[in-house]
Amino acid sequence: MSNSTPLSRDQLAQRVAADVTVGSFVNLGIGMPTKVSDYLDADRRVTLHTENGMLGMGPEAHDGEIDDDLINAGKIPVTELPGASYFHHADSFAMMRGGHLDLCVMGAYQVSVTGDLANWHTGKPGAIPAVGGAMDLAIGAREVYVMMTLFTRDGRPKLVAELTYPITGLACVNRVYTDVATFHLVDGRAHVVDIHGIDFAELLARTGLDLVDARANSVPTNKE
């Protein structure tokens, strides 16, 4: 897959949704990842979990659908699907820590090519840390996908050889989905599956990483 322009947030959410395995149990992190719920068709049989105590979450709620008591972990109003259930916060975290989730999708400040994740604190003096359930998800989910822009506002890459921000989890990230490229992290290297609005040579130059061009061998989506 190669597009002439970078992906918008909605296009990126749709790209991630296409790779969510049919029938899986999934947690969507606060921020950009919550949009993935809008692109999961009912026939995919994906069950969404949120750490504030819900299983069977539907897409974001709008207008007359909004129930102020029905929100996700990011305090965004959501819908419920048939069979949805509710439980104590502690039980929700037990599900996360106990290995009961197939996948979580999270944002990040940085990800290393070896799969290390930094997404709870920038390390800057006075910055407010926001760990939430990130550490529990990073070690508890069977797979971890990160969804983020590839570069900061000043052009620094967020996919790096080694983290410089405080660590959330080590060797936990399997895939990184960004506005300009998708990466599968395998054996300590980042394999480029698709690119958008950038060519491979520029991607190499701007990240400074030893990337593997795997576009001809992309992993199929919508896995059964």
Protein backbone atom coordinates (compact mmCIF):
# COMPACT_ATOMS: atom_id res chain seq x y z
CA MET A 1 0.00 0.00 0.00
CA SER A 2 1.41 3.42 -0.98
CA ASN A 3 -0.45 6.76 -1.08
CA SER A 4 0.68 10.12 -2.41
CA THR A 5 -0.20 11.95 0.81
CA PRO A 6 0.15 11.19 4.54
CA LEU A 7 -2.86 9.57 6.18
CA SER A 8 -5.35 11.71 8.07
CA ARG A 9 -6.33 10.62 11.60
CA ASP A 10 -9.46 8.96 10.28
CA GLN A 11 -7.55 7.17 7.52
CA LEU A 12 -4.97 6.02 10.06
CA ALA A 13 -7.72 4.67 12.33
CA GLN A 14 -9.21 2.82 9.36
CA ARG A 15 -5.77 1.41 8.53
CA VAL A 16 -5.33 0.06 12.07
CA ALA A 17 -8.88 -1.34 12.15
CA ALA A 18 -8.19 -3.34 8.99
CA ASP A 19 -5.46 -5.27 10.84
CA VAL A 20 -7.49 -6.12 13.94
CA THR A 21 -8.05 -9.87 13.96
CA VAL A 22 -11.63 -11.06 13.57
CA GLY A 23 -13.15 -12.20 16.88
CA SER A 24 -10.49 -10.61 19.07
CA PHE A 25 -10.74 -8.81 22.43
CA VAL A 26 -9.20 -5.35 22.11
CA ASN A 27 -8.42 -2.31 24.26
CA LEU A 28 -8.14 1.08 22.55
CA GLY A 29 -5.97 3.64 24.33
CA ILE A 30 -6.81 7.26 25.06
CA GLY A 31 -6.47 9.75 22.22
CA MET A 32 -6.04 8.78 18.59
CA PRO A 33 -6.61 5.02 19.10
CA THR A 34 -10.22 5.57 20.24
CA LYS A 35 -11.15 6.42 16.63
CA VAL A 36 -10.44 2.82 15.60
CA SER A 37 -13.81 1.83 17.09
CA ASP A 38 -15.58 3.81 14.34
CA TYR A 39 -14.14 1.49 11.67
CA LEU A 40 -14.78 -1.96 13.17
CA ASP A 41 -17.77 -3.47 11.36
CA ALA A 42 -20.12 -5.65 13.40
CA ASP A 43 -19.36 -8.71 11.27
CA ARG A 44 -15.74 -8.54 12.48
CA ARG A 45 -16.99 -9.71 15.92
CA VAL A 46 -14.37 -7.59 17.72
CA THR A 47 -15.11 -7.03 21.43
CA LEU A 48 -13.80 -3.75 22.82
CA HIS A 49 -12.65 -3.45 26.44
CA THR A 50 -12.13 -0.22 28.34
CA GLU A 51 -10.21 -0.08 31.60
CA ASN A 52 -12.87 1.96 33.40
CA GLY A 53 -15.04 -1.18 33.41
CA MET A 54 -16.83 -2.09 30.20
CA LEU A 55 -16.72 -4.96 27.73
CA GLY A 56 -18.64 -4.68 24.48
CA MET A 57 -18.07 -0.98 23.79
CA GLY A 58 -19.33 0.37 20.48
CA PRO A 59 -18.33 3.42 18.41
CA GLU A 60 -18.25 6.96 19.77
CA ALA A 61 -21.69 8.34 20.65
CA HIS A 62 -23.07 11.46 18.97
CA ASP A 63 -26.02 13.80 19.60
CA GLY A 64 -29.04 11.81 20.80
CA GLU A 65 -26.94 8.69 21.44
CA ILE A 66 -24.97 10.34 24.24
CA ASP A 67 -25.42 8.98 27.75
CA ASP A 68 -23.31 10.92 30.28
CA ASP A 69 -22.84 7.74 32.33
CA LEU A 70 -21.51 5.77 29.36
CA ILE A 71 -17.93 6.82 28.60
CA ASN A 72 -14.60 5.24 27.77
CA ALA A 73 -11.36 5.69 29.72
CA GLY A 74 -10.74 8.99 27.91
CA LYS A 75 -14.13 10.33 29.08
CA ILE A 76 -15.49 10.25 25.51
CA PRO A 77 -19.19 9.26 25.26
CA VAL A 78 -19.53 5.84 23.63
CA THR A 79 -22.26 3.44 22.59
CA GLU A 80 -22.80 -0.10 23.82
CA LEU A 81 -23.24 -3.19 21.67
CA PRO A 82 -25.66 -6.08 22.36
CA GLY A 83 -24.27 -8.18 25.22
CA ALA A 84 -22.21 -5.36 26.72
CA SER A 85 -21.27 -5.79 30.38
CA TYR A 86 -19.98 -3.60 33.19
CA PHE A 87 -17.71 -4.39 36.13
CA HIS A 88 -15.49 -2.96 38.84
CA HIS A 89 -12.35 -1.04 37.86
CA ALA A 90 -10.22 -3.63 39.67
CA ASP A 91 -11.78 -6.46 37.66
CA SER A 92 -11.05 -4.57 34.47
CA PHE A 93 -7.38 -4.27 35.39
CA ALA A 94 -7.31 -7.96 36.31
CA MET A 95 -8.41 -8.72 32.74
CA MET A 96 -5.57 -6.56 31.41
CA ARG A 97 -2.89 -8.00 33.70
CA GLY A 98 -4.11 -11.57 33.34
CA GLY A 99 -3.44 -11.87 29.62
CA HIS A 100 -7.10 -11.89 28.58
CA LEU A 101 -6.77 -9.23 25.87
CA ASP A 102 -5.64 -10.19 22.38
CA LEU A 103 -4.59 -6.69 21.43
CA CYS A 104 -4.22 -3.15 22.70
CA VAL A 105 -3.74 -0.06 20.55
CA MET A 106 -1.95 2.84 22.24
CA GLY A 107 -0.39 6.18 21.45
CA ALA A 108 3.27 6.89 22.17
CA TYR A 109 5.92 9.56 22.60
CA GLN A 110 8.54 7.10 21.32
CA VAL A 111 8.91 3.49 20.23
CA SER A 112 12.27 1.78 19.71
CA VAL A 113 12.96 -0.65 16.87
CA THR A 114 13.28 -3.38 19.50
CA GLY A 115 9.68 -2.73 20.61
CA ASP A 116 10.33 -0.66 23.74
CA LEU A 117 7.49 1.77 24.50
CA ALA A 118 7.46 5.26 26.06
CA ASN A 119 4.03 6.80 26.39
CA TRP A 120 3.38 7.95 29.96
CA HIS A 121 5.79 10.82 30.64
CA THR A 122 8.06 13.12 28.64
CA GLY A 123 10.49 13.42 31.54
CA LYS A 124 10.36 17.23 31.40
CA PRO A 125 10.35 19.05 34.77
CA GLY A 126 6.79 19.99 35.71
CA ALA A 127 5.20 17.68 33.12
CA ILE A 128 2.22 15.77 34.45
CA PRO A 129 2.68 11.98 34.10
CA ALA A 130 -0.30 10.03 32.77
CA VAL A 131 0.41 6.34 33.17
CA GLY A 132 -3.23 5.18 33.42
CA GLY A 133 -3.34 1.53 32.39
CA ALA A 134 -0.50 1.78 29.86
CA MET A 135 2.00 -0.39 31.76
CA ASP A 136 -0.63 -3.03 32.50
CA LEU A 137 -1.70 -3.15 28.85
CA ALA A 138 1.87 -3.17 27.53
CA ILE A 139 2.74 -6.33 29.45
CA GLY A 140 -0.70 -7.93 29.58
CA ALA A 141 -2.01 -7.81 26.00
CA ARG A 142 -0.87 -10.55 23.62
CA GLU A 143 -0.06 -7.94 20.97
CA VAL A 144 0.59 -4.20 21.21
CA TYR A 145 0.03 -1.81 18.30
CA VAL A 146 1.09 1.83 18.51
CA MET A 147 -0.73 4.54 16.58
CA MET A 148 1.01 7.92 16.27
CA THR A 149 2.48 10.53 13.94
CA LEU A 150 5.98 9.48 12.90
CA PHE A 151 7.58 12.88 13.48
CA THR A 152 7.26 15.53 16.17
CA ARG A 153 6.32 19.09 15.26
CA ASP A 154 10.00 19.96 14.98
CA GLY A 155 10.70 16.97 12.73
CA ARG A 156 12.27 14.53 15.17
CA PRO A 157 11.35 10.86 14.59
CA LYS A 158 9.33 9.05 17.25
CA LEU A 159 10.51 5.65 16.01
CA VAL A 160 14.06 5.48 17.35
CA ALA A 161 17.00 3.17 17.89
CA GLU A 162 16.80 3.67 21.67
CA LEU A 163 14.28 5.44 23.91
CA THR A 164 15.16 8.77 25.50
CA TYR A 165 11.82 9.16 27.33
CA PRO A 166 10.82 7.24 30.51
CA ILE A 167 10.00 3.61 29.65
CA THR A 168 6.49 2.16 29.79
CA GLY A 169 7.40 -1.38 28.74
CA LEU A 170 10.31 -3.27 27.19
CA ALA A 171 10.10 -5.27 23.94
CA CYS A 172 6.31 -5.11 23.99
CA VAL A 173 5.33 -3.33 20.73
CA ASN A 174 4.65 -5.50 17.68
CA ARG A 175 3.55 -2.90 15.13
CA VAL A 176 3.70 0.87 14.69
CA TYR A 177 1.08 2.65 12.57
CA THR A 178 1.88 6.23 11.57
CA ASP A 179 0.65 8.86 9.17
CA VAL A 180 3.50 8.18 6.72
CA ALA A 181 4.39 4.50 7.19
CA THR A 182 3.44 1.24 8.88
CA PHE A 183 6.16 -0.78 10.60
CA HIS A 184 6.29 -4.37 11.84
CA LEU A 185 8.96 -4.75 14.53
CA VAL A 186 10.69 -8.09 14.05
CA ASP A 187 13.97 -9.33 15.54
CA GLY A 188 15.16 -5.86 16.51
CA ARG A 189 14.45 -4.21 13.15
CA ALA A 190 11.61 -2.15 11.73
CA HIS A 191 10.07 -3.64 8.59
CA VAL A 192 8.25 -1.07 6.44
CA VAL A 193 4.92 -2.54 5.29
CA ASP A 194 3.48 0.53 3.55
CA ILE A 195 4.28 4.22 3.05
CA HIS A 196 2.12 7.31 2.54
CA GLY A 197 3.26 10.66 1.15
CA ILE A 198 6.96 9.83 1.46
CA ASP A 199 9.40 7.63 -0.41
CA PHE A 200 11.60 4.96 1.14
CA ALA A 201 14.83 6.91 0.69
CA GLU A 202 13.40 9.93 2.53
CA LEU A 203 12.08 7.64 5.26
CA LEU A 204 15.58 6.24 5.76
CA ALA A 205 17.13 9.71 5.82
CA ARG A 206 14.63 11.28 8.23
CA THR A 207 14.56 8.41 10.73
CA GLY A 208 18.26 7.54 10.53
CA LEU A 209 17.32 3.88 11.03
CA ASP A 210 18.33 0.71 9.23
CA LEU A 211 14.84 -0.03 7.93
CA VAL A 212 13.78 -3.14 6.01
CA ASP A 213 11.67 -2.53 2.91
CA ALA A 214 8.99 -5.24 3.29
CA ARG A 215 6.30 -3.69 1.12
CA ALA A 216 6.31 -6.60 -1.30
CA ASN A 217 5.74 -9.03 1.59
CA SER A 218 3.01 -7.25 3.54
CA VAL A 219 1.16 -9.30 6.14
CA PRO A 220 -2.47 -9.81 5.00
CA THR A 221 -5.15 -7.85 6.83
CA ASN A 222 -8.51 -9.03 8.20
CA LYS A 223 -7.03 -12.25 9.51
CA GLU A 224 -9.51 -14.97 10.41
